[in-house]
C-alpha atoms as a PDB file:
ATOM      1  CA  UNK A   1     -28.584  42.980 -34.901  1.00  0.00           C
ATOM      2  CA  UNK A   2     -32.063  44.288 -34.481  1.00  0.00           C
ATOM      3  CA  UNK A   3     -33.650  41.939 -31.980  1.00  0.00           C
ATOM      4  CA  UNK A   4     -37.028  43.691 -31.915  1.00  0.00           C
ATOM      5  CA  UNK A   5     -37.498  43.263 -35.634  1.00  0.00           C
ATOM      6  CA  UNK A   6     -36.472  39.557 -35.756  1.00  0.00           C
ATOM      7  CA  UNK A   7     -39.021  36.796 -36.192  1.00  0.00           C
ATOM      8  CA  UNK A   8     -39.880  34.632 -33.197  1.00  0.00           C
ATOM      9  CA  UNK A   9     -38.414  31.463 -34.759  1.00  0.00           C
ATOM     10  CA  UNK A  10     -35.142  33.284 -35.461  1.00  0.00           C
ATOM     11  CA  UNK A  11     -35.002  34.459 -31.827  1.00  0.00           C
ATOM     12  CA  UNK A  12     -35.505  30.890 -30.565  1.00  0.00           C
ATOM     13  CA  UNK A  13     -32.729  29.594 -32.833  1.00  0.00           C
ATOM     14  CA  UNK A  14     -30.397  32.392 -31.714  1.00  0.00           C
ATOM     15  CA  UNK A  15     -31.177  31.631 -28.063  1.00  0.00           C
ATOM     16  CA  UNK A  16     -30.244  27.965 -28.579  1.00  0.00           C
ATOM     17  CA  UNK A  17     -26.968  28.995 -30.225  1.00  0.00           C
ATOM     18  CA  UNK A  18     -26.176  31.382 -27.373  1.00  0.00           C
ATOM     19  CA  UNK A  19     -26.951  28.684 -24.758  1.00  0.00           C
ATOM     20  CA  UNK A  20     -24.704  26.208 -26.577  1.00  0.00           C
ATOM     21  CA  UNK A  21     -21.843  28.721 -26.734  1.00  0.00           C
ATOM     22  CA  UNK A  22     -22.235  29.509 -23.037  1.00  0.00           C
ATOM     23  CA  UNK A  23     -22.062  25.793 -22.165  1.00  0.00           C
ATOM     24  CA  UNK A  24     -18.877  25.260 -24.196  1.00  0.00           C
ATOM     25  CA  UNK A  25     -17.197  28.261 -22.604  1.00  0.00           C
ATOM     26  CA  UNK A  26     -18.219  27.073 -19.125  1.00  0.00           C
ATOM     27  CA  UNK A  27     -16.722  23.641 -19.765  1.00  0.00           C
ATOM     28  CA  UNK A  28     -13.466  25.194 -21.042  1.00  0.00           C
ATOM     29  CA  UNK A  29     -13.213  27.413 -17.959  1.00  0.00           C
ATOM     30  CA  UNK A  30     -13.962  24.443 -15.698  1.00  0.00           C
ATOM     31  CA  UNK A  31     -11.160  22.412 -17.287  1.00  0.00           C
ATOM     32  CA  UNK A  32      -8.716  25.308 -16.830  1.00  0.00           C
ATOM     33  CA  UNK A  33      -9.664  25.587 -13.158  1.00  0.00           C
ATOM     34  CA  UNK A  34      -9.299  21.841 -12.604  1.00  0.00           C
ATOM     35  CA  UNK A  35      -5.825  21.912 -14.164  1.00  0.00           C
ATOM     36  CA  UNK A  36      -4.832  24.903 -12.007  1.00  0.00           C
ATOM     37  CA  UNK A  37      -6.029  23.134  -8.852  1.00  0.00           C
ATOM     38  CA  UNK A  38      -4.136  19.977  -9.827  1.00  0.00           C
ATOM     39  CA  UNK A  39      -0.969  22.017 -10.302  1.00  0.00           C
ATOM     40  CA  UNK A  40      -1.391  23.594  -6.873  1.00  0.00           C
ATOM     41  CA  UNK A  41      -1.974  20.254  -5.196  1.00  0.00           C
ATOM     42  CA  UNK A  42       1.149  18.843  -6.782  1.00  0.00           C
ATOM     43  CA  UNK A  43       3.416  21.632  -5.548  1.00  0.00           C
ATOM     44  CA  UNK A  44       2.018  22.569  -2.137  1.00  0.00           C
ATOM     45  CA  UNK A  45       3.444  20.286   0.568  1.00  0.00           C
ATOM     46  CA  UNK A  46       1.141  18.829   3.185  1.00  0.00           C
ATOM     47  CA  UNK A  47      -1.916  18.611   0.979  1.00  0.00           C
ATOM     48  CA  UNK A  48      -4.078  15.528   1.200  1.00  0.00           C
ATOM     49  CA  UNK A  49      -5.935  13.772  -1.523  1.00  0.00           C
ATOM     50  CA  UNK A  50      -5.289  11.395  -4.346  1.00  0.00           C
ATOM     51  CA  UNK A  51      -3.101  13.803  -6.290  1.00  0.00           C
ATOM     52  CA  UNK A  52      -0.123  14.111  -3.943  1.00  0.00           C
ATOM     53  CA  UNK A  53       3.371  15.135  -4.823  1.00  0.00           C
ATOM     54  CA  UNK A  54       4.465  11.486  -4.882  1.00  0.00           C
ATOM     55  CA  UNK A  55       6.485  11.580  -1.673  1.00  0.00           C
ATOM     56  CA  UNK A  56       5.643   9.031   0.990  1.00  0.00           C
ATOM     57  CA  UNK A  57       6.122   9.356   4.718  1.00  0.00           C
ATOM     58  CA  UNK A  58       9.817   9.162   5.654  1.00  0.00           C
ATOM     59  CA  UNK A  59       9.218   6.370   8.196  1.00  0.00           C
ATOM     60  CA  UNK A  60       7.065   4.236   5.878  1.00  0.00           C
ATOM     61  CA  UNK A  61       8.645   0.852   5.296  1.00  0.00           C
ATOM     62  CA  UNK A  62      11.342   1.412   7.871  1.00  0.00           C
ATOM     63  CA  UNK A  63      11.853  -1.661   9.987  1.00  0.00           C
ATOM     64  CA  UNK A  64      12.094  -1.105  13.728  1.00  0.00           C
ATOM     65  CA  UNK A  65      13.789  -3.375  16.244  1.00  0.00           C
ATOM     66  CA  UNK A  66      11.339  -5.461  18.281  1.00  0.00           C
ATOM     67  CA  UNK A  67      10.505  -4.229  21.767  1.00  0.00           C
ATOM     68  CA  UNK A  68       8.347  -7.098  23.015  1.00  0.00           C
ATOM     69  CA  UNK A  69       8.754 -10.877  22.714  1.00  0.00           C
ATOM     70  CA  UNK A  70       6.393 -13.767  23.339  1.00  0.00           C
ATOM     71  CA  UNK A  71       7.996 -15.935  26.050  1.00  0.00           C
ATOM     72  CA  UNK A  72       6.231 -19.047  24.728  1.00  0.00           C
ATOM     73  CA  UNK A  73       7.435 -18.528  21.143  1.00  0.00           C
ATOM     74  CA  UNK A  74      10.618 -16.478  20.724  1.00  0.00           C
ATOM     75  CA  UNK A  75       9.934 -15.953  17.006  1.00  0.00           C
ATOM     76  CA  UNK A  76       6.878 -13.821  17.805  1.00  0.00           C
ATOM     77  CA  UNK A  77       7.895 -10.228  18.465  1.00  0.00           C
ATOM     78  CA  UNK A  78       6.269  -6.804  18.309  1.00  0.00           C
ATOM     79  CA  UNK A  79       7.925  -3.429  17.697  1.00  0.00           C
ATOM     80  CA  UNK A  80       5.253  -1.486  19.570  1.00  0.00           C
ATOM     81  CA  UNK A  81       3.624  -0.025  16.445  1.00  0.00           C
ATOM     82  CA  UNK A  82       0.291  -0.878  14.951  1.00  0.00           C
ATOM     83  CA  UNK A  83      -2.224  -3.250  16.470  1.00  0.00           C
ATOM     84  CA  UNK A  84      -1.106  -5.458  19.312  1.00  0.00           C
ATOM     85  CA  UNK A  85      -0.545  -9.067  18.316  1.00  0.00           C
ATOM     86  CA  UNK A  86      -3.043 -11.652  19.505  1.00  0.00           C
ATOM     87  CA  UNK A  87      -0.608 -13.372  21.822  1.00  0.00           C
ATOM     88  CA  UNK A  88       0.083 -10.083  23.614  1.00  0.00           C
ATOM     89  CA  UNK A  89      -3.576  -9.084  23.818  1.00  0.00           C
ATOM     90  CA  UNK A  90      -4.485 -12.474  25.287  1.00  0.00           C
ATOM     91  CA  UNK A  91      -1.677 -12.261  27.849  1.00  0.00           C
ATOM     92  CA  UNK A  92      -2.689  -8.740  28.901  1.00  0.00           C
ATOM     93  CA  UNK A  93      -6.306  -9.855  29.334  1.00  0.00           C
ATOM     94  CA  UNK A  94      -5.161 -12.697  31.554  1.00  0.00           C
ATOM     95  CA  UNK A  95      -3.604 -10.141  33.925  1.00  0.00           C
ATOM     96  CA  UNK A  96       0.032  -9.935  32.884  1.00  0.00           C
ATOM     97  CA  UNK A  97       1.800  -6.586  32.584  1.00  0.00           C
ATOM     98  CA  UNK A  98       3.174  -5.204  29.315  1.00  0.00           C
ATOM     99  CA  UNK A  99       6.564  -4.668  30.944  1.00  0.00           C
ATOM    100  CA  UNK A 100       6.900  -8.439  31.425  1.00  0.00           C
ATOM    101  CA  UNK A 101       7.309  -8.884  27.652  1.00  0.00           C
ATOM    102  CA  UNK A 102       9.962  -6.208  27.125  1.00  0.00           C
ATOM    103  CA  UNK A 103      13.165  -7.339  25.414  1.00  0.00           C
ATOM    104  CA  UNK A 104      16.140  -6.411  27.582  1.00  0.00           C
END
């Protein structure tokens, strides 16, 4: 191609075609990179994010034996994980010790 001898309108049209081709190639490369990153996230353990390997924490859903019991209502217990129950929080605020609620 002889760019110097081309008409101005032809140069503008060619520039638009080149820009369009560059954009399509960029989008193809971007998709390849996204797929490669997704593959890496799926195989590398310990990664965080929405695309995990599908394995959950080994202790998730595991039921623990209760460690603390409400003396006023024996059905209310707490295993010591998560937020403290309201009955225990209220009792601790009133001055009682946590050890008083331990199940022996």
